[in-house]
Amino acid sequence: MVHGIFKKIKPEMWSAIIMITLFYLCEFRFFFILPLPNIVFAGSTNKMLLAIFSLGLFVFYVLKSEKMGMGYFGWPFVFVFFTVAASTVLSKFEFGFSITQVLWGIIPYLLLLLYFPGRKYLADKDTMECFIVIGELFAIAMSALFILQYTRYTGENSTFLRLPGMIADVSIWHPEWGLRIRNVFDGLFRVFALVIADRIIGKRFRGCILDIIAYLAIVLGVLIIDQSRSYLIIMLFSTIAILIYHSIKKVTVAKLLIGLGAVSVGFVAISVKLVSIFSSISEKAGSWLARVNAAGHYIMVGAEHFFFGVGMADHESNPKVANYVRGLSGIFYPEDVGLIGLFALLGIVGIILYVFIMIRVIKCFLYAKDEQALLFGLVVCMILSSIIQTYFDRTRLLALVLTAIICDINRCRRWKANELDNTDRL
């Protein structure tokens, strides 16, 4: 509870609390209330403000640390960043992007720098507890604000939150259908919700009122505001996976494979059922039919740019490139077809790096001594997400970073505390 955490705060903890609060403010763009510049504010996938914070925190961490360990995911993240940079720079020469458009595609990936200070500072249990509790308070506030905005929405002019470029087209054309804003509750919450769920289940639903309220707030945000059926299903199935693990206690590799298989089958079954209920042929932009067609399109795009893909530059800024990337009808999104879309964006190099990181996440779970249920949920979530939405998308980069931090902290608990300063041991 909040009272228990903040009743007696150690003086040295205040700097961590301030830094964590600033992190959440940047992630949630100051609750979408302040008149921030569009370059760091506009668009639901805009991560510029958080990227600037990430760079600043990383520099602070490097200057303060006598020795910086790369950790279990450090070098893979370095290769991811340079792959994104190389791919996007190469696209400048092929498609004629400006320097600004190229930088716009690269800068958000500075979020990966959060991994290095995060794995060091959050290894302290008090700091991690503050990170979770403050995050829960922000989750509740965010959900309350956006649900209130949802109830008052009658058109673009009715918004009291600043939402430039964030409202879905269908909500603009048909305000009577309600407000939909994609990706606001994705990314951090994709993994953070599982952290909360693990706390609730581990405590057997006792003495965790704040945790329960925060988890329900995130679920409501995804259900009402994001309105992503696949995201909601993945979150719930990952939570069920954590619940199952807590019940089983001990999981072997065989049980892991059986569990993943059962969850995957259930995911497909429920997805098909939801599609049959909610989808129609006329809903091409969001339908599974469009995703199937998009998959074929992006296999072709990836094959034409096999090694490094078409890059992460702002494709929408160039109509010719936008037609090539999104298809002539303009309804395809590489972010909606998982690893196939990643193949189109970052080529075979991006696929190899993604699979390599996923294997490391699985290995961290198999060798973990603490929080095994949470790590199991993270594995399930990452695998299922990769079918439709990979963690390399800028929207979900924080999910990747937080997953890596949690895995690395648990990996290092097998040895001495100073293992955080070492690199690649498992």
Protein backbone atom coordinates (compact mmCIF):
# COMPACT_ATOMS: atom_id res chain seq x y z
CA MET A 1 0.00 0.00 0.00
CA VAL A 2 1.03 3.61 -0.55
CA HIS A 3 1.00 4.33 3.18
CA GLY A 4 3.33 1.43 3.89
CA ILE A 5 5.80 2.46 1.20
CA PHE A 6 5.99 6.18 1.85
CA LYS A 7 5.51 6.23 5.61
CA LYS A 8 9.22 6.12 6.31
CA ILE A 9 11.20 7.06 3.22
CA LYS A 10 14.93 6.98 3.65
CA PRO A 11 16.58 10.30 2.74
CA GLU A 12 18.72 8.64 0.07
CA MET A 13 15.56 7.31 -1.62
CA TRP A 14 14.22 10.72 -2.57
CA SER A 15 16.53 11.07 -5.55
CA ALA A 16 15.31 7.71 -6.86
CA ILE A 17 11.67 8.71 -6.32
CA ILE A 18 12.17 11.97 -8.20
CA MET A 19 13.91 10.18 -11.08
CA ILE A 20 11.22 7.49 -11.28
CA THR A 21 8.46 10.11 -11.22
CA LEU A 22 10.18 12.05 -14.01
CA PHE A 23 10.45 8.83 -16.02
CA TYR A 24 6.69 8.22 -15.78
CA LEU A 25 5.90 11.86 -16.57
CA CYS A 26 7.97 11.62 -19.75
CA GLU A 27 6.45 8.25 -20.70
CA PHE A 28 2.90 9.55 -20.21
CA ARG A 29 3.77 12.99 -21.59
CA PHE A 30 2.74 14.83 -18.43
CA PHE A 31 -0.74 13.25 -18.56
CA PHE A 32 -1.35 14.81 -21.99
CA ILE A 33 -2.31 18.09 -20.34
CA LEU A 34 0.68 20.43 -20.77
CA PRO A 35 1.14 22.37 -24.05
CA LEU A 36 4.34 20.60 -25.08
CA PRO A 37 5.94 21.07 -28.53
CA ASN A 38 4.55 18.73 -31.17
CA ILE A 39 7.98 17.28 -31.88
CA VAL A 40 7.97 15.60 -28.47
CA PHE A 41 4.22 15.29 -28.10
CA ALA A 42 2.17 14.71 -31.26
CA GLY A 43 1.27 11.18 -32.33
CA SER A 44 0.37 8.13 -30.25
CA THR A 45 3.73 6.46 -30.98
CA ASN A 46 5.84 9.54 -30.25
CA LYS A 47 8.69 8.60 -27.87
CA MET A 48 10.93 11.61 -28.39
CA LEU A 49 10.47 13.04 -24.88
CA LEU A 50 11.25 9.70 -23.26
CA ALA A 51 14.21 9.19 -25.60
CA ILE A 52 15.69 12.49 -24.43
CA PHE A 53 15.15 11.44 -20.80
CA SER A 54 16.75 8.05 -21.52
CA LEU A 55 19.86 9.66 -22.96
CA GLY A 56 20.15 12.03 -20.00
CA LEU A 57 19.73 9.25 -17.43
CA PHE A 58 22.27 7.09 -19.25
CA VAL A 59 24.85 9.90 -19.28
CA PHE A 60 24.21 10.51 -15.56
CA TYR A 61 24.64 6.79 -14.87
CA VAL A 62 27.88 6.54 -16.84
CA LEU A 63 29.40 9.59 -15.13
CA LYS A 64 28.42 8.32 -11.69
CA SER A 65 29.45 4.67 -12.15
CA GLU A 66 33.01 3.53 -11.72
CA LYS A 67 32.32 0.52 -13.93
CA MET A 68 29.48 -0.02 -16.35
CA GLY A 69 28.45 -3.64 -16.89
CA MET A 70 26.87 -4.57 -20.22
CA GLY A 71 24.60 -7.18 -18.67
CA TYR A 72 23.01 -10.12 -20.43
CA PHE A 73 21.16 -7.95 -22.97
CA GLY A 74 23.57 -5.02 -23.33
CA TRP A 75 25.39 -6.10 -26.47
CA PRO A 76 22.23 -7.37 -28.22
CA PHE A 77 20.65 -3.96 -27.55
CA VAL A 78 23.72 -2.20 -28.96
CA PHE A 79 23.42 -4.30 -32.11
CA VAL A 80 19.70 -3.54 -32.33
CA PHE A 81 20.35 0.19 -32.16
CA PHE A 82 23.04 0.12 -34.82
CA THR A 83 20.92 -2.15 -37.02
CA VAL A 84 18.08 0.38 -36.83
CA ALA A 85 20.53 3.20 -37.54
CA ALA A 86 22.18 1.41 -40.50
CA SER A 87 18.84 0.33 -41.97
CA THR A 88 17.34 3.81 -41.69
CA VAL A 89 20.42 5.58 -43.08
CA LEU A 90 20.48 3.19 -46.04
CA SER A 91 16.83 4.01 -46.71
CA LYS A 92 17.82 7.66 -47.09
CA PHE A 93 19.86 6.83 -50.18
CA GLU A 94 17.20 4.59 -51.68
CA PHE A 95 14.08 6.61 -50.93
CA GLY A 96 15.50 10.13 -50.59
CA PHE A 97 14.55 10.80 -46.98
CA SER A 98 15.82 13.99 -45.36
CA ILE A 99 18.21 13.95 -42.41
CA THR A 100 15.32 14.97 -40.13
CA GLN A 101 13.19 12.06 -41.32
CA VAL A 102 16.08 9.66 -40.77
CA LEU A 103 16.78 10.96 -37.27
CA TRP A 104 13.07 10.72 -36.44
CA GLY A 105 13.32 7.00 -37.08
CA ILE A 106 16.51 6.47 -35.05
CA ILE A 107 16.18 8.71 -31.97
CA PRO A 108 13.28 6.80 -30.33
CA TYR A 109 15.57 3.77 -30.05
CA LEU A 110 17.64 5.66 -27.49
CA LEU A 111 15.05 4.16 -25.12
CA LEU A 112 17.23 1.06 -25.16
CA LEU A 113 19.75 3.00 -23.05
CA LEU A 114 17.33 2.74 -20.11
CA TYR A 115 18.37 -0.87 -19.76
CA PHE A 116 21.80 -0.01 -18.37
CA PRO A 117 20.84 2.25 -15.44
CA GLY A 118 17.58 0.31 -14.99
CA ARG A 119 19.26 -3.03 -14.33
CA LYS A 120 21.55 -1.39 -11.79
CA TYR A 121 19.12 0.79 -9.86
CA LEU A 122 16.05 -1.49 -9.91
CA ALA A 123 18.13 -4.37 -8.55
CA ASP A 124 17.67 -2.63 -5.19
CA LYS A 125 14.41 -3.96 -3.73
CA ASP A 126 13.38 -0.62 -2.20
CA THR A 127 13.92 1.18 -5.50
CA MET A 128 11.98 -1.51 -7.39
CA GLU A 129 9.13 -1.23 -4.88
CA CYS A 130 9.01 2.54 -5.40
CA PHE A 131 9.09 2.01 -9.18
CA ILE A 132 6.08 -0.31 -8.98
CA VAL A 133 4.01 1.74 -6.52
CA ILE A 134 4.58 5.03 -8.35
CA GLY A 135 3.80 3.27 -11.62
CA GLU A 136 0.53 1.96 -10.17
CA LEU A 137 -0.51 5.46 -9.14
CA PHE A 138 0.26 6.74 -12.64
CA ALA A 139 -1.66 3.84 -14.20
CA ILE A 140 -4.75 4.65 -12.13
CA ALA A 141 -4.52 8.36 -12.94
CA MET A 142 -3.99 7.72 -16.66
CA SER A 143 -6.92 5.34 -16.87
CA ALA A 144 -9.20 7.72 -14.96
CA LEU A 145 -8.28 10.67 -17.20
CA PHE A 146 -8.77 8.80 -20.45
CA ILE A 147 -11.99 7.10 -19.39
CA LEU A 148 -13.34 10.51 -18.35
CA GLN A 149 -12.31 11.83 -21.75
CA TYR A 150 -14.05 8.85 -23.36
CA THR A 151 -17.33 9.61 -21.60
CA ARG A 152 -17.21 13.28 -22.68
CA TYR A 153 -16.12 12.72 -26.27
CA THR A 154 -18.46 14.06 -28.96
CA GLY A 155 -15.82 15.03 -31.52
CA GLU A 156 -12.31 16.48 -31.77
CA ASN A 157 -13.41 19.78 -30.26
CA SER A 158 -14.67 18.05 -27.10
CA THR A 159 -11.26 16.85 -25.89
CA PHE A 160 -9.83 18.41 -22.75
CA LEU A 161 -6.67 16.29 -23.12
CA ARG A 162 -4.09 17.28 -25.73
CA LEU A 163 -4.27 14.49 -28.32
CA PRO A 164 -2.76 15.78 -31.59
CA GLY A 165 -2.53 13.03 -34.18
CA MET A 166 -3.61 10.37 -31.67
CA ILE A 167 -7.35 9.92 -32.19
CA ALA A 168 -8.21 7.05 -34.54
CA ASP A 169 -9.75 8.07 -37.87
CA VAL A 170 -12.94 6.15 -37.14
CA SER A 171 -13.48 8.26 -34.01
CA ILE A 172 -13.04 11.44 -36.04
CA TRP A 173 -15.38 10.37 -38.83
CA HIS A 174 -17.94 8.78 -36.50
CA PRO A 175 -17.70 10.43 -33.05
CA GLU A 176 -20.94 8.70 -32.10
CA TRP A 177 -18.97 5.42 -32.07
CA GLY A 178 -16.86 6.70 -29.19
CA LEU A 179 -13.21 7.59 -28.66
CA ARG A 180 -10.39 5.27 -29.67
CA ILE A 181 -6.69 6.04 -29.19
CA ARG A 182 -4.25 3.34 -30.14
CA ASN A 183 -1.01 2.57 -28.27
CA VAL A 184 -1.46 4.93 -25.31
CA PHE A 185 -1.85 1.94 -22.96
CA ASP A 186 0.68 -0.25 -24.78
CA GLY A 187 4.44 -0.52 -24.30
CA LEU A 188 5.22 -0.12 -20.62
CA PHE A 189 1.82 -1.39 -19.48
CA ARG A 190 2.17 -4.57 -21.55
CA VAL A 191 4.82 -5.79 -19.09
CA PHE A 192 3.97 -3.65 -16.06
CA ALA A 193 0.50 -5.22 -15.87
CA LEU A 194 2.15 -8.65 -15.51
CA VAL A 195 4.42 -7.36 -12.74
CA ILE A 196 1.31 -6.22 -10.87
CA ALA A 197 -0.52 -9.47 -11.59
CA ASP A 198 2.38 -11.48 -10.18
CA ARG A 199 2.27 -9.41 -6.98
CA ILE A 200 -1.48 -9.93 -6.63
CA ILE A 201 -1.33 -13.68 -7.22
CA GLY A 202 1.77 -14.09 -5.05
CA LYS A 203 -0.05 -12.38 -2.18
CA ARG A 204 -3.16 -14.52 -2.84
CA PHE A 205 -5.22 -11.34 -3.35
CA ARG A 206 -4.62 -10.26 0.25
CA GLY A 207 -3.33 -6.84 1.29
CA CYS A 208 -2.92 -5.66 -2.30
CA ILE A 209 -5.79 -3.25 -2.90
CA LEU A 210 -3.59 -0.78 -4.78
CA ASP A 211 -2.22 -3.57 -6.99
CA ILE A 212 -5.72 -4.80 -7.85
CA ILE A 213 -7.02 -1.31 -8.64
CA ALA A 214 -3.97 -0.57 -10.83
CA TYR A 215 -4.31 -3.85 -12.75
CA LEU A 216 -8.02 -3.26 -13.37
CA ALA A 217 -7.25 0.32 -14.44
CA ILE A 218 -4.81 -0.94 -17.08
CA VAL A 219 -7.26 -3.57 -18.33
CA LEU A 220 -10.02 -0.96 -18.59
CA GLY A 221 -7.68 1.39 -20.42
CA VAL A 222 -6.83 -1.29 -22.98
CA LEU A 223 -10.48 -2.35 -23.31
CA ILE A 224 -12.09 1.10 -23.56
CA ILE A 225 -9.40 3.37 -25.01
CA ASP A 226 -6.93 1.22 -26.94
CA GLN A 227 -9.65 -1.25 -27.98
CA SER A 228 -7.06 -3.79 -29.16
CA ARG A 229 -8.57 -7.26 -28.87
CA SER A 230 -5.27 -9.02 -29.55
CA TYR A 231 -3.43 -6.95 -26.92
CA LEU A 232 -6.13 -7.60 -24.32
CA ILE A 233 -6.13 -11.34 -25.04
CA ILE A 234 -2.35 -11.54 -24.78
CA MET A 235 -2.39 -9.67 -21.47
CA LEU A 236 -5.06 -11.92 -19.99
CA PHE A 237 -3.44 -15.13 -21.21
CA SER A 238 -0.07 -14.05 -19.83
CA THR A 239 -1.75 -13.33 -16.50
CA ILE A 240 -3.34 -16.79 -16.59
CA ALA A 241 0.11 -18.25 -17.31
CA ILE A 242 1.43 -16.58 -14.14
CA LEU A 243 -1.53 -17.93 -12.18
CA ILE A 244 -0.92 -21.43 -13.52
CA TYR A 245 2.77 -21.28 -12.65
CA HIS A 246 2.05 -20.20 -9.10
CA SER A 247 -0.28 -23.19 -8.85
CA ILE A 248 2.19 -25.67 -10.31
CA LYS A 249 5.21 -24.30 -8.39
CA LYS A 250 7.72 -26.36 -10.37
CA VAL A 251 7.93 -26.23 -14.14
CA THR A 252 10.15 -28.39 -16.31
CA VAL A 253 11.05 -27.71 -19.92
CA ALA A 254 8.33 -30.19 -20.95
CA LYS A 255 5.73 -28.37 -18.86
CA LEU A 256 6.91 -25.07 -20.35
CA LEU A 257 6.36 -26.34 -23.88
CA ILE A 258 2.98 -27.83 -22.97
CA GLY A 259 1.94 -24.59 -21.28
CA LEU A 260 3.01 -22.45 -24.22
CA GLY A 261 1.20 -24.80 -26.57
CA ALA A 262 -2.00 -24.64 -24.52
CA VAL A 263 -1.85 -20.86 -24.30
CA SER A 264 -1.19 -20.57 -28.04
CA VAL A 265 -4.13 -22.83 -28.88
CA GLY A 266 -6.38 -20.89 -26.54
CA PHE A 267 -5.16 -17.61 -28.02
CA VAL A 268 -5.98 -18.72 -31.55
CA ALA A 269 -9.37 -20.15 -30.52
CA ILE A 270 -10.47 -17.00 -28.71
CA SER A 271 -9.09 -14.78 -31.49
CA VAL A 272 -11.11 -16.67 -34.09
CA LYS A 273 -14.20 -16.41 -31.91
CA LEU A 274 -13.72 -12.68 -31.41
CA VAL A 275 -13.18 -12.16 -35.11
CA SER A 276 -16.40 -13.99 -35.90
CA ILE A 277 -18.27 -11.80 -33.46
CA PHE A 278 -16.73 -8.38 -33.91
CA SER A 279 -15.22 -8.30 -37.39
CA SER A 280 -16.95 -7.69 -40.65
CA ILE A 281 -15.80 -7.62 -44.23
CA SER A 282 -16.24 -3.85 -44.33
CA GLU A 283 -13.74 -3.33 -41.47
CA LYS A 284 -10.76 -3.84 -43.76
CA ALA A 285 -8.31 -1.59 -41.96
CA GLY A 286 -8.50 -3.53 -38.73
CA SER A 287 -9.62 -6.96 -39.81
CA TRP A 288 -7.70 -10.21 -39.79
CA LEU A 289 -8.28 -10.43 -43.53
CA ALA A 290 -6.26 -7.26 -43.93
CA ARG A 291 -3.51 -8.74 -41.75
CA VAL A 292 -3.33 -11.85 -43.94
CA ASN A 293 -3.01 -9.70 -47.05
CA ALA A 294 -0.50 -7.48 -45.26
CA ALA A 295 1.64 -10.50 -44.38
CA GLY A 296 1.97 -11.41 -48.06
CA HIS A 297 2.78 -7.81 -48.92
CA TYR A 298 5.51 -7.50 -46.29
CA ILE A 299 7.09 -10.81 -47.21
CA MET A 300 7.53 -9.32 -50.68
CA VAL A 301 8.92 -6.04 -49.28
CA GLY A 302 11.30 -7.94 -46.99
CA ALA A 303 12.50 -10.14 -49.84
CA GLU A 304 13.33 -7.01 -51.87
CA HIS A 305 15.29 -5.55 -48.92
CA PHE A 306 16.52 -8.81 -47.47
CA PHE A 307 19.35 -7.82 -45.14
CA PHE A 308 18.32 -4.51 -43.54
CA GLY A 309 14.73 -3.89 -44.62
CA VAL A 310 13.27 -0.48 -45.50
CA GLY A 311 14.30 1.12 -42.20
CA MET A 312 12.45 3.06 -39.54
CA ALA A 313 12.29 6.50 -41.16
CA ASP A 314 9.01 8.40 -41.31
CA HIS A 315 7.46 6.61 -44.29
CA GLU A 316 4.27 8.68 -44.11
CA SER A 317 6.20 11.83 -44.98
CA ASN A 318 6.92 10.52 -48.49
CA PRO A 319 3.73 9.54 -50.42
CA LYS A 320 5.64 7.30 -52.84
CA VAL A 321 7.33 5.39 -50.01
CA ALA A 322 4.10 5.31 -47.99
CA ASN A 323 2.31 3.62 -50.90
CA TYR A 324 5.11 1.09 -51.15
CA VAL A 325 5.26 0.32 -47.42
CA ARG A 326 1.54 0.46 -46.64
CA GLY A 327 0.24 -0.89 -49.95
CA LEU A 328 -1.64 0.99 -52.65
CA SER A 329 -4.83 1.01 -50.57
CA GLY A 330 -2.91 2.41 -47.59
CA ILE A 331 -4.42 0.00 -45.04
CA PHE A 332 -1.37 -2.15 -44.23
CA TYR A 333 0.84 -1.55 -41.21
CA PRO A 334 4.09 -3.49 -40.68
CA GLU A 335 3.53 -3.17 -36.93
CA ASP A 336 0.38 -5.31 -37.23
CA VAL A 337 1.94 -8.49 -38.60
CA GLY A 338 4.62 -9.28 -36.03
CA LEU A 339 7.86 -10.83 -37.22
CA ILE A 340 6.81 -10.58 -40.87
CA GLY A 341 6.47 -6.82 -40.52
CA LEU A 342 9.79 -6.71 -38.70
CA PHE A 343 11.35 -8.58 -41.64
CA ALA A 344 10.14 -5.79 -43.94
CA LEU A 345 11.41 -3.03 -41.64
CA LEU A 346 14.78 -4.41 -40.46
CA GLY A 347 15.38 -7.37 -42.76
CA ILE A 348 16.80 -10.73 -41.79
CA VAL A 349 19.29 -9.04 -39.44
CA GLY A 350 16.41 -7.67 -37.37
CA ILE A 351 14.74 -11.09 -37.25
CA ILE A 352 17.96 -12.77 -36.07
CA LEU A 353 18.46 -10.19 -33.31
CA TYR A 354 14.86 -10.46 -32.17
CA VAL A 355 14.95 -14.27 -31.98
CA PHE A 356 18.33 -14.10 -30.21
CA ILE A 357 16.92 -11.78 -27.54
CA MET A 358 13.81 -13.94 -27.16
CA ILE A 359 15.97 -17.03 -26.60
CA ARG A 360 17.87 -15.18 -23.89
CA VAL A 361 14.62 -14.23 -22.18
CA ILE A 362 13.56 -17.90 -22.21
CA LYS A 363 16.95 -18.98 -20.82
CA CYS A 364 16.63 -16.45 -17.99
CA PHE A 365 13.31 -18.03 -17.05
CA LEU A 366 14.64 -21.59 -17.19
CA TYR A 367 17.60 -20.77 -14.93
CA ALA A 368 15.84 -18.33 -12.57
CA LYS A 369 15.59 -18.95 -8.84
CA ASP A 370 13.28 -16.05 -7.98
CA GLU A 371 10.10 -14.70 -9.57
CA GLN A 372 9.86 -17.67 -11.91
CA ALA A 373 6.11 -17.20 -12.34
CA LEU A 374 6.60 -13.61 -13.50
CA LEU A 375 9.34 -14.62 -15.92
CA PHE A 376 7.08 -17.36 -17.28
CA GLY A 377 4.40 -14.74 -17.92
CA LEU A 378 6.94 -12.50 -19.65
CA VAL A 379 8.01 -15.38 -21.91
CA VAL A 380 4.40 -16.15 -22.83
CA CYS A 381 3.65 -12.48 -23.46
CA MET A 382 6.69 -11.95 -25.68
CA ILE A 383 6.07 -15.07 -27.76
CA LEU A 384 2.37 -14.35 -28.27
CA SER A 385 3.03 -10.66 -28.98
CA SER A 386 5.51 -11.57 -31.70
CA ILE A 387 2.70 -13.12 -33.74
CA ILE A 388 1.14 -9.69 -34.26
CA GLN A 389 3.15 -6.96 -32.51
CA THR A 390 6.89 -7.29 -31.91
CA TYR A 391 8.80 -5.57 -29.13
CA PHE A 392 11.03 -3.80 -31.68
CA ASP A 393 8.23 -1.39 -32.60
CA ARG A 394 8.87 1.99 -30.99
CA THR A 395 5.52 1.72 -29.18
CA ARG A 396 6.63 -1.45 -27.39
CA LEU A 397 10.32 -0.72 -26.84
CA LEU A 398 9.70 -0.13 -23.15
CA ALA A 399 8.15 -3.60 -22.92
CA LEU A 400 11.41 -4.98 -24.32
CA VAL A 401 13.58 -2.91 -21.96
CA LEU A 402 11.54 -3.73 -18.84
CA THR A 403 11.48 -7.43 -19.75
CA ALA A 404 15.26 -7.42 -20.15
CA ILE A 405 15.76 -5.58 -16.84
CA ILE A 406 13.58 -8.01 -14.89
CA CYS A 407 15.25 -11.02 -16.51
CA ASP A 408 18.75 -9.68 -15.89
CA ILE A 409 18.10 -8.83 -12.25
CA ASN A 410 16.78 -12.34 -11.60
CA ARG A 411 19.68 -13.88 -13.53
CA CYS A 412 22.20 -12.04 -11.39
CA ARG A 413 20.62 -13.20 -8.14
CA ARG A 414 22.18 -16.61 -8.79
CA TRP A 415 25.58 -15.13 -8.00
CA LYS A 416 27.05 -12.30 -5.99
CA ALA A 417 25.64 -8.79 -6.07
CA ASN A 418 28.58 -7.54 -8.16
CA GLU A 419 27.50 -9.84 -11.00
CA LEU A 420 25.57 -6.79 -12.27
CA ASP A 421 28.95 -5.39 -13.27
CA ASN A 422 29.76 -8.48 -15.37
CA THR A 423 28.48 -9.23 -18.82
CA ASP A 424 27.32 -12.42 -20.37
CA ARG A 425 27.23 -15.23 -17.85
CA LEU A 426 24.21 -17.50 -17.46
